[in-house]
Amino acid sequence: MNETAITNQNFEFNSGDLADENLISNIIDVFYPSLLDDYRVNRYFYSRPIEEQTKPLKLLINALLKTDGVNLKQVSELADNFFTAAFARGNAKPSLVNNRDFAFLEMFVTGDLVGGEQQSRLIVLCPAHSHLLRLQPNDDNYDVVIEHLADALQQLKVADKLASQILAFAETGRDNILGRGKEIYNEEGVSTYFRTHG
């Protein structure tokens, strides 16, 4: 079997250990509804039926875990499908007020009314990733996602070693999902920088 090695800083494992499509599907079926029910992160998700959101996520995760190598163009397209299904919306959900809701006031506090050199620029993984980045997720939000994933793995009684590998795999996406990584695939040379309103 040809296995793709995935590396996250000091942690390395073989994707072949995680490539069970039924297991991935079951994990997502338990994990995803808990995200949608959690007030700390549910404001980020669009109100499409859950099946419309989980189907592209399952396809994306399975493509990332293929044992015969990862096709970056395909992964980019699958990521675009998932971000569109989960986060693209025409109607904004009301949210609990938090410090990120007033990020647009930053320019008054810093005195940067014309947009100077200190702007924070995020990297878009794929075009639809901007739908999530507009909502300005942060590390605390990603920690909630990891928490729900760990709970789902425990609920499904996934072996400790495999659960650790799955959680480590999920951690490899933190910087990219939060806009601090790099694009997946860009054959047109289109700018992938994204500037939030704050």
C-alpha atoms as a PDB file:
ATOM      1  CA  MET A   1       0.000   0.000   0.000  1.00  0.00           C
ATOM      2  CA  ASN A   2       1.286   3.442  -0.958  1.00  0.00           C
ATOM      3  CA  GLU A   3       0.797   5.808   2.001  1.00  0.00           C
ATOM      4  CA  THR A   4       1.116   9.578   2.041  1.00  0.00           C
ATOM      5  CA  ALA A   5       3.034  10.969   5.001  1.00  0.00           C
ATOM      6  CA  ILE A   6       1.451  14.003   6.596  1.00  0.00           C
ATOM      7  CA  THR A   7       3.623  16.183   8.804  1.00  0.00           C
ATOM      8  CA  ASN A   8       2.611  18.771  11.378  1.00  0.00           C
ATOM      9  CA  GLN A   9       5.680  20.368  12.946  1.00  0.00           C
ATOM     10  CA  ASN A  10       6.960  17.554  15.203  1.00  0.00           C
ATOM     11  CA  PHE A  11       4.204  15.010  14.589  1.00  0.00           C
ATOM     12  CA  GLU A  12       4.231  12.615  11.671  1.00  0.00           C
ATOM     13  CA  PHE A  13       1.871   9.771  10.791  1.00  0.00           C
ATOM     14  CA  ASN A  14       0.673   7.830   7.798  1.00  0.00           C
ATOM     15  CA  SER A  15      -2.627   8.834   6.234  1.00  0.00           C
ATOM     16  CA  GLY A  16      -3.243   5.158   5.493  1.00  0.00           C
ATOM     17  CA  ASP A  17      -4.092   4.743   9.184  1.00  0.00           C
ATOM     18  CA  LEU A  18      -6.907   7.266   8.769  1.00  0.00           C
ATOM     19  CA  ALA A  19      -8.191   6.418   5.300  1.00  0.00           C
ATOM     20  CA  ASP A  20     -11.261   4.435   6.410  1.00  0.00           C
ATOM     21  CA  GLU A  21     -14.116   6.273   4.632  1.00  0.00           C
ATOM     22  CA  ASN A  22     -16.791   4.729   6.887  1.00  0.00           C
ATOM     23  CA  LEU A  23     -14.969   5.861  10.014  1.00  0.00           C
ATOM     24  CA  ILE A  24     -14.531   9.382   8.621  1.00  0.00           C
ATOM     25  CA  SER A  25     -18.215   9.492   7.683  1.00  0.00           C
ATOM     26  CA  ASN A  26     -19.305   8.336  11.163  1.00  0.00           C
ATOM     27  CA  ILE A  27     -17.027  10.856  12.875  1.00  0.00           C
ATOM     28  CA  ILE A  28     -18.396  13.720  10.780  1.00  0.00           C
ATOM     29  CA  ASP A  29     -21.989  12.561  11.382  1.00  0.00           C
ATOM     30  CA  VAL A  30     -21.424  12.777  15.160  1.00  0.00           C
ATOM     31  CA  PHE A  31     -19.055  15.754  15.197  1.00  0.00           C
ATOM     32  CA  TYR A  32     -20.740  18.197  12.810  1.00  0.00           C
ATOM     33  CA  PRO A  33     -24.168  18.512  14.490  1.00  0.00           C
ATOM     34  CA  SER A  34     -22.443  19.329  17.771  1.00  0.00           C
ATOM     35  CA  LEU A  35     -20.678  22.256  16.063  1.00  0.00           C
ATOM     36  CA  LEU A  36     -23.974  23.554  14.752  1.00  0.00           C
ATOM     37  CA  ASP A  37     -25.456  23.341  18.264  1.00  0.00           C
ATOM     38  CA  ASP A  38     -22.589  25.156  20.002  1.00  0.00           C
ATOM     39  CA  TYR A  39     -23.265  28.872  20.510  1.00  0.00           C
ATOM     40  CA  ARG A  40     -19.508  29.570  20.466  1.00  0.00           C
ATOM     41  CA  VAL A  41     -19.154  28.639  16.784  1.00  0.00           C
ATOM     42  CA  ASN A  42     -22.586  28.114  15.224  1.00  0.00           C
ATOM     43  CA  ARG A  43     -22.805  31.720  14.037  1.00  0.00           C
ATOM     44  CA  TYR A  44     -20.137  30.918  11.458  1.00  0.00           C
ATOM     45  CA  PHE A  45     -22.237  28.287   9.697  1.00  0.00           C
ATOM     46  CA  TYR A  46     -24.901  28.890   7.103  1.00  0.00           C
ATOM     47  CA  SER A  47     -28.345  27.424   7.743  1.00  0.00           C
ATOM     48  CA  ARG A  48     -28.330  24.906   4.906  1.00  0.00           C
ATOM     49  CA  PRO A  49     -29.496  21.374   5.700  1.00  0.00           C
ATOM     50  CA  ILE A  50     -26.760  19.476   7.502  1.00  0.00           C
ATOM     51  CA  GLU A  51     -26.461  16.858   4.731  1.00  0.00           C
ATOM     52  CA  GLU A  52     -25.603  19.619   2.237  1.00  0.00           C
ATOM     53  CA  GLN A  53     -22.746  20.686   4.524  1.00  0.00           C
ATOM     54  CA  THR A  54     -21.399  17.294   5.579  1.00  0.00           C
ATOM     55  CA  LYS A  55     -21.327  15.666   2.145  1.00  0.00           C
ATOM     56  CA  PRO A  56     -18.662  18.040   0.726  1.00  0.00           C
ATOM     57  CA  LEU A  57     -16.719  17.849   4.019  1.00  0.00           C
ATOM     58  CA  LYS A  58     -16.591  14.058   3.801  1.00  0.00           C
ATOM     59  CA  LEU A  59     -15.387  14.252   0.196  1.00  0.00           C
ATOM     60  CA  LEU A  60     -12.717  16.786   1.164  1.00  0.00           C
ATOM     61  CA  ILE A  61     -11.398  14.818   4.149  1.00  0.00           C
ATOM     62  CA  ASN A  62     -11.327  11.581   2.157  1.00  0.00           C
ATOM     63  CA  ALA A  63      -9.401  13.320  -0.651  1.00  0.00           C
ATOM     64  CA  LEU A  64      -6.879  14.649   1.869  1.00  0.00           C
ATOM     65  CA  LEU A  65      -6.407  11.182   3.331  1.00  0.00           C
ATOM     66  CA  LYS A  66      -6.029   9.296   0.048  1.00  0.00           C
ATOM     67  CA  THR A  67      -3.291   6.720   0.323  1.00  0.00           C
ATOM     68  CA  ASP A  68      -2.251   7.157  -3.319  1.00  0.00           C
ATOM     69  CA  GLY A  69      -1.350  10.838  -3.022  1.00  0.00           C
ATOM     70  CA  VAL A  70      -3.166  14.145  -2.869  1.00  0.00           C
ATOM     71  CA  ASN A  71      -4.307  15.966  -6.017  1.00  0.00           C
ATOM     72  CA  LEU A  72      -4.045  19.639  -5.014  1.00  0.00           C
ATOM     73  CA  LYS A  73      -6.363  20.893  -7.758  1.00  0.00           C
ATOM     74  CA  GLN A  74      -9.044  18.410  -6.694  1.00  0.00           C
ATOM     75  CA  VAL A  75      -8.552  19.277  -3.010  1.00  0.00           C
ATOM     76  CA  SER A  76      -8.900  22.980  -3.836  1.00  0.00           C
ATOM     77  CA  GLU A  77     -12.172  22.334  -5.673  1.00  0.00           C
ATOM     78  CA  LEU A  78     -13.493  20.142  -2.847  1.00  0.00           C
ATOM     79  CA  ALA A  79     -12.491  22.757  -0.253  1.00  0.00           C
ATOM     80  CA  ASP A  80     -14.256  25.398  -2.322  1.00  0.00           C
ATOM     81  CA  ASN A  81     -17.409  23.225  -2.359  1.00  0.00           C
ATOM     82  CA  PHE A  82     -17.275  22.723   1.402  1.00  0.00           C
ATOM     83  CA  PHE A  83     -16.654  26.386   2.268  1.00  0.00           C
ATOM     84  CA  THR A  84     -19.518  27.366  -0.034  1.00  0.00           C
ATOM     85  CA  ALA A  85     -21.910  24.837   1.520  1.00  0.00           C
ATOM     86  CA  ALA A  86     -20.950  25.592   5.116  1.00  0.00           C
ATOM     87  CA  PHE A  87     -20.242  29.322   5.185  1.00  0.00           C
ATOM     88  CA  ALA A  88     -21.531  31.166   2.096  1.00  0.00           C
ATOM     89  CA  ARG A  89     -24.700  33.044   2.812  1.00  0.00           C
ATOM     90  CA  GLY A  90     -26.884  35.823   1.656  1.00  0.00           C
ATOM     91  CA  ASN A  91     -28.357  36.432   5.083  1.00  0.00           C
ATOM     92  CA  ALA A  92     -26.179  37.155   8.097  1.00  0.00           C
ATOM     93  CA  LYS A  93     -27.119  35.373  11.302  1.00  0.00           C
ATOM     94  CA  PRO A  94     -27.420  37.493  14.414  1.00  0.00           C
ATOM     95  CA  SER A  95     -24.507  36.844  16.730  1.00  0.00           C
ATOM     96  CA  LEU A  96     -23.647  37.358  20.343  1.00  0.00           C
ATOM     97  CA  VAL A  97     -21.622  40.536  20.632  1.00  0.00           C
ATOM     98  CA  ASN A  98     -17.935  39.875  21.128  1.00  0.00           C
ATOM     99  CA  ASN A  99     -14.688  41.730  20.618  1.00  0.00           C
ATOM    100  CA  ARG A 100     -14.559  40.824  16.909  1.00  0.00           C
ATOM    101  CA  ASP A 101     -17.933  42.385  16.144  1.00  0.00           C
ATOM    102  CA  PHE A 102     -16.413  45.845  16.522  1.00  0.00           C
ATOM    103  CA  ALA A 103     -13.175  45.154  14.656  1.00  0.00           C
ATOM    104  CA  PHE A 104     -14.048  47.885  12.153  1.00  0.00           C
ATOM    105  CA  LEU A 105     -13.390  50.431  14.934  1.00  0.00           C
ATOM    106  CA  GLU A 106      -9.698  49.469  14.888  1.00  0.00           C
ATOM    107  CA  MET A 107      -8.927  52.216  12.392  1.00  0.00           C
ATOM    108  CA  PHE A 108     -10.162  54.859  14.838  1.00  0.00           C
ATOM    109  CA  VAL A 109      -8.166  53.447  17.728  1.00  0.00           C
ATOM    110  CA  THR A 110      -4.938  53.099  15.729  1.00  0.00           C
ATOM    111  CA  GLY A 111      -5.442  56.322  13.800  1.00  0.00           C
ATOM    112  CA  ASP A 112      -5.067  54.367  10.548  1.00  0.00           C
ATOM    113  CA  LEU A 113      -7.948  55.935   8.639  1.00  0.00           C
ATOM    114  CA  VAL A 114      -6.435  55.501   5.172  1.00  0.00           C
ATOM    115  CA  GLY A 115      -5.158  51.937   5.434  1.00  0.00           C
ATOM    116  CA  GLY A 116      -1.450  51.990   6.146  1.00  0.00           C
ATOM    117  CA  GLU A 117       1.207  49.317   5.904  1.00  0.00           C
ATOM    118  CA  GLN A 118       0.185  47.496   9.092  1.00  0.00           C
ATOM    119  CA  GLN A 119      -2.921  45.859   7.637  1.00  0.00           C
ATOM    120  CA  SER A 120      -3.455  42.244   8.570  1.00  0.00           C
ATOM    121  CA  ARG A 121      -3.692  40.166   5.434  1.00  0.00           C
ATOM    122  CA  LEU A 122      -5.011  36.653   5.421  1.00  0.00           C
ATOM    123  CA  ILE A 123      -4.382  33.918   2.871  1.00  0.00           C
ATOM    124  CA  VAL A 124      -7.401  32.401   1.164  1.00  0.00           C
ATOM    125  CA  LEU A 125      -7.148  28.615   0.663  1.00  0.00           C
ATOM    126  CA  CYS A 126      -9.665  28.667  -2.168  1.00  0.00           C
ATOM    127  CA  PRO A 127     -12.161  31.295  -3.381  1.00  0.00           C
ATOM    128  CA  ALA A 128     -15.021  30.273  -1.057  1.00  0.00           C
ATOM    129  CA  HIS A 129     -12.723  30.326   1.992  1.00  0.00           C
ATOM    130  CA  SER A 130     -13.320  34.085   2.054  1.00  0.00           C
ATOM    131  CA  HIS A 131     -16.886  33.397   3.255  1.00  0.00           C
ATOM    132  CA  LEU A 132     -15.454  32.061   6.521  1.00  0.00           C
ATOM    133  CA  LEU A 133     -12.633  34.600   6.814  1.00  0.00           C
ATOM    134  CA  ARG A 134     -15.130  37.476   6.623  1.00  0.00           C
ATOM    135  CA  LEU A 135     -16.486  36.244   9.945  1.00  0.00           C
ATOM    136  CA  GLN A 136     -12.987  36.451  11.485  1.00  0.00           C
ATOM    137  CA  PRO A 137     -12.611  33.098  13.243  1.00  0.00           C
ATOM    138  CA  ASN A 138      -9.754  32.838  15.730  1.00  0.00           C
ATOM    139  CA  ASP A 139      -7.804  30.214  17.671  1.00  0.00           C
ATOM    140  CA  ASP A 140     -10.458  30.040  20.391  1.00  0.00           C
ATOM    141  CA  ASN A 141     -13.022  29.055  17.748  1.00  0.00           C
ATOM    142  CA  TYR A 142     -10.682  26.421  16.347  1.00  0.00           C
ATOM    143  CA  ASP A 143     -10.156  25.054  19.876  1.00  0.00           C
ATOM    144  CA  VAL A 144     -13.941  24.561  20.101  1.00  0.00           C
ATOM    145  CA  VAL A 145     -13.847  22.562  16.856  1.00  0.00           C
ATOM    146  CA  ILE A 146     -11.036  20.361  18.229  1.00  0.00           C
ATOM    147  CA  GLU A 147     -12.993  19.924  21.483  1.00  0.00           C
ATOM    148  CA  HIS A 148     -16.060  18.674  19.584  1.00  0.00           C
ATOM    149  CA  LEU A 149     -13.930  16.387  17.454  1.00  0.00           C
ATOM    150  CA  ALA A 150     -12.348  14.861  20.575  1.00  0.00           C
ATOM    151  CA  ASP A 151     -15.812  14.364  22.092  1.00  0.00           C
ATOM    152  CA  ALA A 152     -17.042  12.641  18.912  1.00  0.00           C
ATOM    153  CA  LEU A 153     -14.032  10.330  18.876  1.00  0.00           C
ATOM    154  CA  GLN A 154     -14.663   9.422  22.502  1.00  0.00           C
ATOM    155  CA  GLN A 155     -18.378   8.890  21.864  1.00  0.00           C
ATOM    156  CA  LEU A 156     -17.559   6.557  18.953  1.00  0.00           C
ATOM    157  CA  LYS A 157     -14.999   4.731  21.127  1.00  0.00           C
ATOM    158  CA  VAL A 158     -12.183   5.292  18.636  1.00  0.00           C
ATOM    159  CA  ALA A 159      -8.936   3.725  19.886  1.00  0.00           C
ATOM    160  CA  ASP A 160      -6.663   6.184  21.690  1.00  0.00           C
ATOM    161  CA  LYS A 161      -3.791   5.913  19.197  1.00  0.00           C
ATOM    162  CA  LEU A 162      -6.071   6.492  16.204  1.00  0.00           C
ATOM    163  CA  ALA A 163      -7.928   9.293  18.020  1.00  0.00           C
ATOM    164  CA  SER A 164      -4.594  11.019  18.668  1.00  0.00           C
ATOM    165  CA  GLN A 165      -3.718  10.733  14.985  1.00  0.00           C
ATOM    166  CA  ILE A 166      -7.077  12.171  13.928  1.00  0.00           C
ATOM    167  CA  LEU A 167      -6.740  15.094  16.340  1.00  0.00           C
ATOM    168  CA  ALA A 168      -3.182  15.728  15.129  1.00  0.00           C
ATOM    169  CA  PHE A 169      -4.429  15.681  11.530  1.00  0.00           C
ATOM    170  CA  ALA A 170      -7.139  18.210  12.448  1.00  0.00           C
ATOM    171  CA  GLU A 171      -4.493  20.440  14.065  1.00  0.00           C
ATOM    172  CA  THR A 172      -2.550  20.526  10.789  1.00  0.00           C
ATOM    173  CA  GLY A 173      -5.354  22.632   9.350  1.00  0.00           C
ATOM    174  CA  ARG A 174      -5.445  25.327  12.045  1.00  0.00           C
ATOM    175  CA  ASP A 175      -3.236  27.952  10.381  1.00  0.00           C
ATOM    176  CA  ASN A 176      -4.699  27.380   6.923  1.00  0.00           C
ATOM    177  CA  ILE A 177      -8.313  27.545   8.074  1.00  0.00           C
ATOM    178  CA  LEU A 178      -7.617  30.724  10.056  1.00  0.00           C
ATOM    179  CA  GLY A 179      -5.968  32.368   7.036  1.00  0.00           C
ATOM    180  CA  ARG A 180      -2.374  32.120   8.261  1.00  0.00           C
ATOM    181  CA  GLY A 181      -1.252  29.363   5.911  1.00  0.00           C
ATOM    182  CA  LYS A 182      -0.966  29.194   2.170  1.00  0.00           C
ATOM    183  CA  GLU A 183      -3.285  28.595  -0.754  1.00  0.00           C
ATOM    184  CA  ILE A 184      -4.006  25.022  -1.808  1.00  0.00           C
ATOM    185  CA  TYR A 185      -3.776  25.433  -5.572  1.00  0.00           C
ATOM    186  CA  ASN A 186      -3.608  28.461  -7.848  1.00  0.00           C
ATOM    187  CA  GLU A 187      -2.815  27.888 -11.502  1.00  0.00           C
ATOM    188  CA  GLU A 188      -4.097  31.313 -12.606  1.00  0.00           C
ATOM    189  CA  GLY A 189      -1.809  33.293 -10.306  1.00  0.00           C
ATOM    190  CA  VAL A 190      -4.788  35.129  -8.775  1.00  0.00           C
ATOM    191  CA  SER A 191      -4.029  37.046  -5.570  1.00  0.00           C
ATOM    192  CA  THR A 192      -4.983  34.988  -2.547  1.00  0.00           C
ATOM    193  CA  TYR A 193      -4.660  37.765   0.016  1.00  0.00           C
ATOM    194  CA  PHE A 194      -7.794  38.659   1.904  1.00  0.00           C
ATOM    195  CA  ARG A 195      -8.375  41.746   4.013  1.00  0.00           C
ATOM    196  CA  THR A 196     -11.228  41.661   6.509  1.00  0.00           C
ATOM    197  CA  HIS A 197     -13.262  44.745   7.243  1.00  0.00           C
ATOM    198  CA  GLY A 198     -11.406  45.057  10.558  1.00  0.00           C
END
